Amino acid sequence: MKKIFILVAIASLTTVSCAKDRTCTCTRTTTSSGVSFTSTSTTTIVKSTKSQGKANCVSTKQESNNTTTTSDCKLS
């Protein structure tokens, strides 16, 4: 019984922290004087765990003078 428990524990740990390539897709919108421009970009985060991928795939918002730039990012 102990051997089965140990095998299950090891198997669950290896699947939780599985390092693989993650894709971060960001939609960037810049608005200036009422005019908006939108673009999409993808970034591959190589050999990362899911938590590392989330830490590197971040949405942002910047404001300067009459210009606002937002970046909405999703990890897949």
N, C-alpha and C. Protein backbone atom coordinates (compact mmCIF):
# COMPACT_ATOMS: atom_id res chain seq x y z
N MET A 1 0.82 -1.19 0.00
CA MET A 1 0.00 0.00 0.00
C MET A 1 0.87 1.26 0.00
N LYS A 2 1.97 1.23 0.77
CA LYS A 2 2.86 2.39 0.81
C LYS A 2 3.48 2.65 -0.56
N LYS A 3 3.83 1.58 -1.28
CA LYS A 3 4.44 1.74 -2.60
C LYS A 3 3.48 2.42 -3.56
N ILE A 4 2.22 2.05 -3.50
CA ILE A 4 1.22 2.67 -4.38
C ILE A 4 1.08 4.15 -4.04
N PHE A 5 1.02 4.48 -2.76
CA PHE A 5 0.91 5.88 -2.34
C PHE A 5 2.10 6.70 -2.82
N ILE A 6 3.30 6.15 -2.68
CA ILE A 6 4.50 6.86 -3.11
C ILE A 6 4.49 7.06 -4.62
N LEU A 7 4.10 6.06 -5.38
CA LEU A 7 4.04 6.20 -6.84
C LEU A 7 3.02 7.25 -7.26
N VAL A 8 1.86 7.26 -6.61
CA VAL A 8 0.84 8.27 -6.92
C VAL A 8 1.35 9.67 -6.58
N ALA A 9 2.02 9.81 -5.46
CA ALA A 9 2.55 11.11 -5.05
C ALA A 9 3.59 11.61 -6.04
N ILE A 10 4.48 10.76 -6.47
CA ILE A 10 5.51 11.15 -7.43
C ILE A 10 4.88 11.51 -8.77
N ALA A 11 3.93 10.73 -9.22
CA ALA A 11 3.27 11.00 -10.50
C ALA A 11 2.54 12.33 -10.46
N SER A 12 1.88 12.65 -9.36
CA SER A 12 1.15 13.92 -9.29
C SER A 12 2.10 15.10 -9.25
N LEU A 13 3.25 14.97 -8.61
CA LEU A 13 4.23 16.06 -8.58
C LEU A 13 4.82 16.33 -9.94
N THR A 14 5.07 15.30 -10.71
CA THR A 14 5.67 15.50 -12.02
C THR A 14 4.69 16.13 -13.00
N THR A 15 3.40 15.86 -12.86
CA THR A 15 2.43 16.47 -13.78
C THR A 15 2.12 17.90 -13.39
N VAL A 16 2.20 18.24 -12.12
CA VAL A 16 1.90 19.60 -11.67
C VAL A 16 2.98 20.57 -12.12
N SER A 17 4.23 20.19 -12.02
CA SER A 17 5.32 21.11 -12.34
C SER A 17 5.93 20.81 -13.70
N CYS A 18 5.13 20.37 -14.63
CA CYS A 18 5.60 20.01 -15.95
C CYS A 18 6.08 21.25 -16.71
N ALA A 19 7.35 21.28 -17.06
CA ALA A 19 7.89 22.40 -17.82
C ALA A 19 7.69 22.13 -19.30
N LYS A 20 7.04 23.05 -19.97
CA LYS A 20 6.85 22.94 -21.42
C LYS A 20 6.74 24.34 -22.00
N ASP A 21 6.68 24.43 -23.31
CA ASP A 21 6.54 25.73 -23.95
C ASP A 21 5.11 26.25 -23.77
N ARG A 22 4.98 27.50 -23.37
CA ARG A 22 3.68 28.15 -23.16
C ARG A 22 3.57 29.30 -24.15
N THR A 23 2.34 29.61 -24.56
CA THR A 23 2.10 30.70 -25.50
C THR A 23 1.32 31.81 -24.81
N CYS A 24 1.85 33.01 -24.90
CA CYS A 24 1.19 34.19 -24.36
C CYS A 24 0.71 35.03 -25.55
N THR A 25 -0.61 35.25 -25.62
CA THR A 25 -1.19 36.04 -26.70
C THR A 25 -1.68 37.36 -26.12
N CYS A 26 -1.20 38.46 -26.68
CA CYS A 26 -1.56 39.79 -26.19
C CYS A 26 -2.25 40.61 -27.28
N THR A 27 -3.35 41.25 -26.88
CA THR A 27 -4.03 42.20 -27.76
C THR A 27 -3.74 43.59 -27.21
N ARG A 28 -3.08 44.40 -28.02
CA ARG A 28 -2.67 45.73 -27.59
C ARG A 28 -3.53 46.78 -28.28
N THR A 29 -4.11 47.66 -27.49
CA THR A 29 -4.94 48.73 -28.03
C THR A 29 -4.38 50.08 -27.58
N THR A 30 -4.12 50.94 -28.54
CA THR A 30 -3.64 52.29 -28.26
C THR A 30 -4.71 53.27 -28.70
N THR A 31 -5.12 54.15 -27.79
CA THR A 31 -6.13 55.16 -28.09
C THR A 31 -5.52 56.54 -27.87
N SER A 32 -5.62 57.38 -28.89
CA SER A 32 -5.10 58.73 -28.81
C SER A 32 -6.07 59.67 -29.51
N SER A 33 -6.53 60.68 -28.81
CA SER A 33 -7.46 61.66 -29.35
C SER A 33 -8.69 61.00 -29.96
N GLY A 34 -9.19 59.94 -29.34
CA GLY A 34 -10.41 59.27 -29.81
C GLY A 34 -10.20 58.27 -30.92
N VAL A 35 -8.98 58.09 -31.38
CA VAL A 35 -8.69 57.14 -32.45
C VAL A 35 -7.97 55.94 -31.84
N SER A 36 -8.45 54.72 -32.16
CA SER A 36 -7.87 53.50 -31.59
C SER A 36 -7.18 52.65 -32.65
N PHE A 37 -6.07 52.05 -32.26
CA PHE A 37 -5.34 51.11 -33.09
C PHE A 37 -5.16 49.82 -32.28
N THR A 38 -5.42 48.67 -32.90
CA THR A 38 -5.32 47.39 -32.20
C THR A 38 -4.39 46.45 -32.95
N SER A 39 -3.55 45.74 -32.19
CA SER A 39 -2.67 44.73 -32.78
C SER A 39 -2.60 43.54 -31.83
N THR A 40 -2.24 42.38 -32.38
CA THR A 40 -2.12 41.16 -31.60
C THR A 40 -0.73 40.58 -31.79
N SER A 41 -0.15 40.09 -30.69
CA SER A 41 1.17 39.46 -30.77
C SER A 41 1.17 38.20 -29.91
N THR A 42 2.03 37.26 -30.27
CA THR A 42 2.20 36.05 -29.48
C THR A 42 3.67 35.90 -29.10
N THR A 43 3.88 35.39 -27.90
CA THR A 43 5.23 35.15 -27.40
C THR A 43 5.27 33.73 -26.86
N THR A 44 6.31 32.99 -27.20
CA THR A 44 6.49 31.65 -26.67
C THR A 44 7.42 31.72 -25.46
N ILE A 45 6.93 31.23 -24.33
CA ILE A 45 7.73 31.16 -23.11
C ILE A 45 8.25 29.72 -23.03
N VAL A 46 9.53 29.55 -23.27
CA VAL A 46 10.13 28.24 -23.46
C VAL A 46 10.39 27.54 -22.13
N LYS A 47 10.04 26.24 -22.09
CA LYS A 47 10.32 25.35 -20.96
C LYS A 47 9.97 26.00 -19.62
N SER A 48 8.70 26.35 -19.45
CA SER A 48 8.26 26.98 -18.21
C SER A 48 7.10 26.21 -17.60
N THR A 49 6.96 26.31 -16.29
CA THR A 49 5.80 25.74 -15.63
C THR A 49 4.64 26.70 -15.85
N LYS A 50 3.44 26.26 -15.49
CA LYS A 50 2.27 27.12 -15.68
C LYS A 50 2.39 28.39 -14.84
N SER A 51 2.88 28.28 -13.62
CA SER A 51 3.02 29.48 -12.78
C SER A 51 4.08 30.43 -13.33
N GLN A 52 5.16 29.91 -13.89
CA GLN A 52 6.17 30.76 -14.52
C GLN A 52 5.59 31.44 -15.76
N GLY A 53 4.78 30.70 -16.52
CA GLY A 53 4.14 31.28 -17.70
C GLY A 53 3.21 32.42 -17.32
N LYS A 54 2.40 32.21 -16.27
CA LYS A 54 1.49 33.26 -15.81
C LYS A 54 2.26 34.49 -15.34
N ALA A 55 3.38 34.28 -14.68
CA ALA A 55 4.18 35.40 -14.18
C ALA A 55 4.79 36.22 -15.32
N ASN A 56 4.98 35.60 -16.49
CA ASN A 56 5.58 36.29 -17.62
C ASN A 56 4.59 36.73 -18.68
N CYS A 57 3.32 36.44 -18.47
CA CYS A 57 2.27 36.83 -19.42
C CYS A 57 1.34 37.79 -18.70
N VAL A 58 1.68 39.07 -18.74
CA VAL A 58 1.03 40.07 -17.89
C VAL A 58 0.32 41.13 -18.73
N SER A 59 -0.91 41.45 -18.33
CA SER A 59 -1.66 42.53 -18.95
C SER A 59 -1.20 43.85 -18.34
N THR A 60 -1.17 44.91 -19.16
CA THR A 60 -0.70 46.21 -18.68
C THR A 60 -1.59 47.34 -19.18
N LYS A 61 -1.46 48.50 -18.54
CA LYS A 61 -2.13 49.72 -18.99
C LYS A 61 -1.20 50.88 -18.73
N GLN A 62 -0.99 51.71 -19.78
CA GLN A 62 -0.12 52.88 -19.66
C GLN A 62 -0.87 54.11 -20.15
N GLU A 63 -0.72 55.19 -19.41
CA GLU A 63 -1.35 56.46 -19.81
C GLU A 63 -0.28 57.53 -19.85
N SER A 64 -0.31 58.31 -20.92
CA SER A 64 0.64 59.40 -21.09
C SER A 64 0.00 60.47 -21.95
N ASN A 65 -0.08 61.68 -21.41
CA ASN A 65 -0.72 62.81 -22.11
C ASN A 65 -2.13 62.40 -22.55
N ASN A 66 -2.41 62.38 -23.83
CA ASN A 66 -3.73 62.02 -24.35
C ASN A 66 -3.75 60.61 -24.92
N THR A 67 -2.78 59.79 -24.57
CA THR A 67 -2.66 58.46 -25.14
C THR A 67 -2.78 57.40 -24.05
N THR A 68 -3.62 56.39 -24.31
CA THR A 68 -3.76 55.23 -23.40
C THR A 68 -3.45 53.97 -24.19
N THR A 69 -2.57 53.15 -23.64
CA THR A 69 -2.23 51.87 -24.26
C THR A 69 -2.53 50.75 -23.26
N THR A 70 -3.37 49.82 -23.68
CA THR A 70 -3.67 48.65 -22.85
C THR A 70 -3.22 47.39 -23.59
N SER A 71 -2.74 46.45 -22.82
CA SER A 71 -2.31 45.17 -23.37
C SER A 71 -3.01 44.08 -22.56
N ASP A 72 -3.92 43.35 -23.20
CA ASP A 72 -4.66 42.28 -22.55
C ASP A 72 -4.06 40.95 -22.97
N CYS A 73 -3.41 40.24 -22.02
CA CYS A 73 -2.65 39.03 -22.33
C CYS A 73 -3.30 37.80 -21.72
N LYS A 74 -3.27 36.70 -22.47
CA LYS A 74 -3.82 35.42 -22.03
C LYS A 74 -2.80 34.33 -22.30
N LEU A 75 -2.65 33.42 -21.32
CA LEU A 75 -1.73 32.30 -21.44
C LEU A 75 -2.47 31.08 -21.97
N SER A 76 -1.89 30.42 -22.95
CA SER A 76 -2.52 29.19 -23.46
C SER A 76 -1.49 28.10 -23.60
